[in-house]
Amino acid sequence: MVAEKRVSFSFGKNWEQFLKSVKDENRRAAELSLTEFLSMHDLRGKTFLDVGCGSGLFSLAAFSLGAERIVSFDVDPYSVSCCRFLRERENDPENWIVLEGSVLDHEFISSLGSFDIVYAWGVLHHAGRMWEAVRNAATLVDREGYYYLALYNRKTGRFGSEFWLEVKKLYNASPRPGKYMIEVIYMSIFFAMQLARLKNPLARIKNYSSNRGMNWRRDVVDWLGGYPYEFAAAEDVRDFIKKHFPNFNQAKIEPAIGRGMNSFLFVNGPS
């Protein structure tokens, strides 16, 4: 087991590489991901908060979908830079603000106001204090607004969540050559598993951008390096929201496959 130490994996540094090749198809896939899960045709008249904006792709999607006001923030300055890059490509629209800040900073959070849609997909389990982050983000949902939340599922067993926690610690503690070797091992296992299932791994990678508009190679680094890393069973998330936000109703859930993410849509008020 690797000794505990503070790790500062930069998601933003990783996604800087993604932005060099981002295309319209990536944006369209991100737009579709939002509209399908929210059951909306567009975001006209809606305010949108992108919690932990990462690459900025989903802030861009919200802008393209006509959101009235967009606020994007991340604690990682490289992610902030990525998001600002995409905003600049759209000629710096006044209704899109990009900020550097932490979801764990109560003063910062209280300064943001409330939003029709609070989008926190795949980020709060990396905050270091996941439940506090989930609660802080939920306070920003306006009356009859939506909380779009995705958190890593708790998976038990030999290669469950605890196993991957140790892999992430090892990856972050390794020098660059060690990181690259772990990436190669992970990708080799992926290829072997796809072939064992009589599937074409190259076709899977080629079509990967249709999955929320993201990039397979960048997601490999994102997964292996993503630490802090917490996880929760779907029922634990539902119970937590019900306890702390009794006015929230669960409108939708997309259960995880294995160690993937449970995606939730909560409504602050009638569903």
Protein backbone atom coordinates (compact mmCIF):
# COMPACT_ATOMS: atom_id res chain seq x y z
CA MET A 1 0.00 0.00 0.00
CA VAL A 2 1.30 3.44 -0.86
CA ALA A 3 1.74 5.78 2.10
CA GLU A 4 -0.88 8.52 2.39
CA LYS A 5 0.21 11.91 1.12
CA ARG A 6 -1.42 14.93 -0.42
CA VAL A 7 -1.95 14.42 -4.12
CA SER A 8 -2.79 17.24 -6.49
CA PHE A 9 -3.75 15.58 -9.77
CA SER A 10 -4.63 18.27 -12.27
CA PHE A 11 -7.66 17.36 -14.34
CA GLY A 12 -7.19 20.64 -16.17
CA LYS A 13 -3.67 19.76 -17.37
CA ASN A 14 -5.08 16.54 -18.75
CA TRP A 15 -7.99 18.24 -20.51
CA GLU A 16 -5.72 20.87 -22.08
CA GLN A 17 -4.71 18.06 -24.44
CA PHE A 18 -8.36 17.32 -25.22
CA LEU A 19 -9.10 20.93 -26.19
CA LYS A 20 -6.46 20.77 -28.92
CA SER A 21 -8.68 18.33 -30.82
CA VAL A 22 -12.20 19.24 -29.67
CA LYS A 23 -14.64 19.34 -32.57
CA ASP A 24 -18.26 20.28 -33.20
CA GLU A 25 -19.21 16.61 -32.76
CA ASN A 26 -17.89 16.75 -29.19
CA ARG A 27 -20.07 19.75 -28.44
CA ARG A 28 -23.13 18.16 -30.06
CA ALA A 29 -22.65 14.98 -28.01
CA ALA A 30 -22.40 17.05 -24.82
CA GLU A 31 -25.56 18.96 -25.78
CA LEU A 32 -27.43 15.71 -26.37
CA SER A 33 -26.23 14.35 -23.03
CA LEU A 34 -27.71 17.39 -21.26
CA THR A 35 -31.01 17.61 -23.11
CA GLU A 36 -31.74 13.88 -22.90
CA PHE A 37 -31.12 13.55 -19.17
CA LEU A 38 -32.90 16.81 -18.34
CA SER A 39 -35.75 15.97 -20.76
CA MET A 40 -35.48 19.45 -22.28
CA HIS A 41 -35.21 20.54 -25.91
CA ASP A 42 -32.89 23.41 -25.00
CA LEU A 43 -31.90 25.59 -22.03
CA ARG A 44 -33.48 28.86 -23.11
CA GLY A 45 -34.46 31.00 -20.15
CA LYS A 46 -32.51 28.76 -17.74
CA THR A 47 -29.58 29.66 -15.51
CA PHE A 48 -26.84 27.02 -15.46
CA LEU A 49 -24.09 26.38 -12.89
CA ASP A 50 -21.23 24.10 -13.94
CA VAL A 51 -19.66 22.83 -10.71
CA GLY A 52 -16.09 21.70 -11.35
CA CYS A 53 -16.20 22.69 -15.01
CA GLY A 54 -13.13 20.64 -16.02
CA SER A 55 -12.61 20.96 -19.76
CA GLY A 56 -15.47 23.46 -20.01
CA LEU A 57 -17.24 21.34 -22.65
CA PHE A 58 -20.55 21.24 -20.81
CA SER A 59 -20.52 24.96 -20.11
CA LEU A 60 -20.02 25.37 -23.84
CA ALA A 61 -22.93 23.01 -24.47
CA ALA A 62 -25.15 25.02 -22.11
CA PHE A 63 -24.21 28.19 -23.98
CA SER A 64 -25.00 26.58 -27.33
CA LEU A 65 -28.34 25.38 -25.95
CA GLY A 66 -29.30 28.98 -25.18
CA ALA A 67 -28.89 29.14 -21.41
CA GLU A 68 -29.72 32.65 -20.18
CA ARG A 69 -26.82 32.77 -17.72
CA ILE A 70 -23.90 30.40 -17.20
CA VAL A 71 -21.48 30.32 -14.29
CA SER A 72 -18.58 27.87 -14.51
CA PHE A 73 -16.08 27.30 -11.73
CA ASP A 74 -13.29 24.94 -10.76
CA VAL A 75 -10.65 24.81 -8.05
CA ASP A 76 -8.01 23.75 -10.61
CA PRO A 77 -6.57 26.84 -12.36
CA TYR A 78 -5.78 24.72 -15.43
CA SER A 79 -9.45 23.72 -15.71
CA VAL A 80 -10.42 27.37 -15.33
CA SER A 81 -8.03 28.15 -18.17
CA CYS A 82 -9.59 25.41 -20.33
CA CYS A 83 -13.08 26.78 -19.76
CA ARG A 84 -11.98 30.35 -20.46
CA PHE A 85 -10.40 29.17 -23.70
CA LEU A 86 -13.75 27.80 -24.89
CA ARG A 87 -15.53 30.96 -23.74
CA GLU A 88 -13.06 33.08 -25.71
CA ARG A 89 -13.77 30.99 -28.80
CA GLU A 90 -17.38 32.17 -28.48
CA ASN A 91 -16.26 35.83 -28.37
CA ASP A 92 -16.44 36.20 -24.55
CA PRO A 93 -20.24 36.28 -24.13
CA GLU A 94 -21.36 38.44 -21.21
CA ASN A 95 -23.84 35.84 -19.97
CA TRP A 96 -21.07 33.27 -19.38
CA ILE A 97 -18.81 33.78 -16.35
CA VAL A 98 -15.81 31.58 -15.49
CA LEU A 99 -14.47 31.62 -11.93
CA GLU A 100 -11.78 29.92 -9.87
CA GLY A 101 -13.17 28.60 -6.59
CA SER A 102 -13.87 25.55 -4.46
CA VAL A 103 -17.18 23.85 -3.78
CA LEU A 104 -15.87 23.42 -0.21
CA ASP A 105 -15.42 27.17 0.27
CA HIS A 106 -18.64 28.28 1.96
CA GLU A 107 -17.98 31.97 1.42
CA PHE A 108 -17.40 31.42 -2.28
CA ILE A 109 -20.46 29.20 -2.63
CA SER A 110 -22.72 31.66 -0.82
CA SER A 111 -21.65 34.39 -3.27
CA LEU A 112 -22.95 32.54 -6.34
CA GLY A 113 -26.71 32.79 -5.82
CA SER A 114 -29.15 30.14 -7.06
CA PHE A 115 -29.65 28.44 -10.42
CA ASP A 116 -32.27 26.61 -12.42
CA ILE A 117 -29.78 23.85 -13.20
CA VAL A 118 -26.84 22.88 -11.00
CA TYR A 119 -24.65 20.49 -12.96
CA ALA A 120 -22.17 18.43 -10.92
CA TRP A 121 -21.33 15.45 -13.08
CA GLY A 122 -18.39 13.32 -12.00
CA VAL A 123 -16.62 15.93 -9.90
CA LEU A 124 -17.75 16.00 -6.27
CA HIS A 125 -16.22 12.60 -5.45
CA HIS A 126 -12.84 14.24 -6.15
CA ALA A 127 -13.35 17.14 -3.74
CA GLY A 128 -11.80 15.37 -0.74
CA ARG A 129 -14.95 15.78 1.36
CA MET A 130 -17.61 14.37 -0.93
CA TRP A 131 -20.71 14.66 1.23
CA GLU A 132 -19.94 18.25 2.16
CA ALA A 133 -19.46 19.02 -1.53
CA VAL A 134 -22.77 17.35 -2.43
CA ARG A 135 -24.55 19.39 0.25
CA ASN A 136 -22.91 22.69 -0.72
CA ALA A 137 -23.78 22.29 -4.40
CA ALA A 138 -27.38 21.36 -3.56
CA THR A 139 -27.87 24.65 -1.70
CA LEU A 140 -27.45 26.47 -5.04
CA VAL A 141 -30.51 24.86 -6.66
CA ASP A 142 -33.33 27.37 -7.08
CA ARG A 143 -36.96 26.58 -6.24
CA GLU A 144 -38.23 24.09 -8.87
CA GLY A 145 -34.66 23.91 -10.15
CA TYR A 146 -32.71 20.77 -11.08
CA TYR A 147 -29.71 19.13 -9.44
CA TYR A 148 -27.91 16.96 -12.02
CA LEU A 149 -25.47 14.89 -9.97
CA ALA A 150 -23.20 11.97 -10.83
CA LEU A 151 -21.01 10.13 -8.32
CA TYR A 152 -18.89 7.01 -8.53
CA ASN A 153 -20.71 3.88 -7.47
CA ARG A 154 -19.48 1.82 -4.55
CA LYS A 155 -18.47 -1.54 -5.98
CA THR A 156 -17.42 -4.39 -3.73
CA GLY A 157 -15.28 -7.39 -4.55
CA ARG A 158 -11.73 -8.11 -5.62
CA PHE A 159 -11.53 -5.33 -8.20
CA GLY A 160 -14.00 -3.03 -6.55
CA SER A 161 -13.78 0.58 -5.41
CA GLU A 162 -11.19 -0.04 -2.69
CA PHE A 163 -8.88 -1.73 -5.21
CA TRP A 164 -9.08 1.28 -7.55
CA LEU A 165 -8.45 3.63 -4.66
CA GLU A 166 -5.07 1.95 -4.17
CA VAL A 167 -4.34 2.04 -7.92
CA LYS A 168 -4.97 5.78 -7.95
CA LYS A 169 -2.65 6.31 -4.99
CA LEU A 170 0.05 4.29 -6.75
CA TYR A 171 -0.42 6.18 -10.02
CA ASN A 172 -0.15 9.59 -8.37
CA ALA A 173 2.89 8.57 -6.32
CA SER A 174 4.74 7.29 -9.41
CA PRO A 175 7.19 9.28 -11.57
CA ARG A 176 6.16 10.04 -15.15
CA PRO A 177 7.58 6.75 -16.60
CA GLY A 178 5.69 4.80 -13.92
CA LYS A 179 2.47 6.63 -14.73
CA TYR A 180 2.90 5.84 -18.41
CA MET A 181 3.48 2.14 -17.63
CA ILE A 182 0.28 1.99 -15.56
CA GLU A 183 -1.60 3.64 -18.43
CA VAL A 184 -0.21 1.06 -20.88
CA ILE A 185 -1.22 -1.82 -18.59
CA TYR A 186 -4.71 -0.39 -18.16
CA MET A 187 -5.18 0.15 -21.91
CA SER A 188 -3.82 -3.34 -22.69
CA ILE A 189 -6.35 -4.89 -20.31
CA PHE A 190 -9.10 -2.86 -21.99
CA PHE A 191 -8.08 -4.19 -25.42
CA ALA A 192 -7.86 -7.77 -24.13
CA MET A 193 -11.30 -7.60 -22.47
CA GLN A 194 -12.92 -6.16 -25.61
CA LEU A 195 -11.41 -8.90 -27.77
CA ALA A 196 -12.47 -11.58 -25.27
CA ARG A 197 -16.05 -10.32 -25.67
CA LEU A 198 -15.65 -10.50 -29.47
CA LYS A 199 -15.84 -6.71 -29.73
CA ASN A 200 -13.64 -4.38 -31.73
CA PRO A 201 -11.70 -2.13 -29.29
CA LEU A 202 -10.69 0.28 -32.05
CA ALA A 203 -14.33 0.83 -33.00
CA ARG A 204 -15.16 1.48 -29.35
CA ILE A 205 -12.42 4.12 -29.12
CA LYS A 206 -13.37 5.69 -32.44
CA ASN A 207 -16.98 6.12 -31.32
CA TYR A 208 -16.08 7.20 -27.79
CA SER A 209 -16.80 10.88 -28.42
CA SER A 210 -20.47 9.96 -28.75
CA ASN A 211 -20.31 9.26 -25.00
CA ARG A 212 -20.87 12.78 -23.65
CA GLY A 213 -18.44 14.20 -26.22
CA MET A 214 -15.35 13.15 -24.32
CA ASN A 215 -12.04 11.57 -25.39
CA TRP A 216 -11.04 7.99 -24.54
CA ARG A 217 -7.30 8.58 -24.09
CA ARG A 218 -7.87 11.63 -21.87
CA ASP A 219 -10.47 9.69 -19.87
CA VAL A 220 -7.91 6.93 -19.19
CA VAL A 221 -5.61 9.47 -17.52
CA ASP A 222 -8.60 11.10 -15.83
CA TRP A 223 -9.68 7.77 -14.33
CA LEU A 224 -6.25 6.58 -13.19
CA GLY A 225 -5.17 9.96 -11.83
CA GLY A 226 -8.46 11.07 -10.32
CA TYR A 227 -7.63 11.39 -6.63
CA PRO A 228 -9.05 12.18 -4.06
CA TYR A 229 -11.53 9.44 -4.90
CA GLU A 230 -14.72 8.66 -2.99
CA PHE A 231 -17.76 6.59 -3.91
CA ALA A 232 -21.25 5.78 -2.69
CA ALA A 233 -24.08 3.36 -3.38
CA ALA A 234 -27.09 4.90 -5.12
CA GLU A 235 -29.31 4.39 -2.08
CA ASP A 236 -26.81 6.24 0.13
CA VAL A 237 -26.97 9.26 -2.17
CA ARG A 238 -30.77 9.19 -2.22
CA ASP A 239 -30.91 8.90 1.59
CA PHE A 240 -28.46 11.77 2.04
CA ILE A 241 -30.42 14.12 -0.22
CA LYS A 242 -33.71 13.12 1.41
CA LYS A 243 -32.30 13.79 4.89
CA HIS A 244 -30.68 17.15 4.17
CA PHE A 245 -33.00 18.45 1.44
CA PRO A 246 -36.49 17.09 2.14
CA ASN A 247 -38.00 19.32 -0.57
CA PHE A 248 -35.91 17.60 -3.25
CA ASN A 249 -37.57 14.85 -5.26
CA GLN A 250 -35.73 12.33 -7.38
CA ALA A 251 -36.91 12.75 -10.97
CA LYS A 252 -34.51 10.32 -12.63
CA ILE A 253 -31.67 7.92 -11.96
CA GLU A 254 -29.30 6.22 -14.38
CA PRO A 255 -27.68 3.40 -12.39
CA ALA A 256 -24.00 2.69 -12.72
CA ILE A 257 -22.51 -0.30 -14.44
CA GLY A 258 -19.93 -1.67 -12.03
CA ARG A 259 -17.58 1.03 -10.75
CA GLY A 260 -19.05 3.66 -13.04
CA MET A 261 -21.20 6.59 -12.00
CA ASN A 262 -24.74 6.72 -10.72
CA SER A 263 -26.41 9.73 -12.34
CA PHE A 264 -29.26 11.47 -10.53
CA LEU A 265 -31.68 14.24 -11.35
CA PHE A 266 -33.31 15.86 -8.33
CA VAL A 267 -35.96 18.59 -8.47
CA ASN A 268 -36.25 21.19 -5.74
CA GLY A 269 -40.00 20.96 -5.32
CA PRO A 270 -42.67 19.05 -7.24
CA SER A 271 -41.23 16.48 -9.65
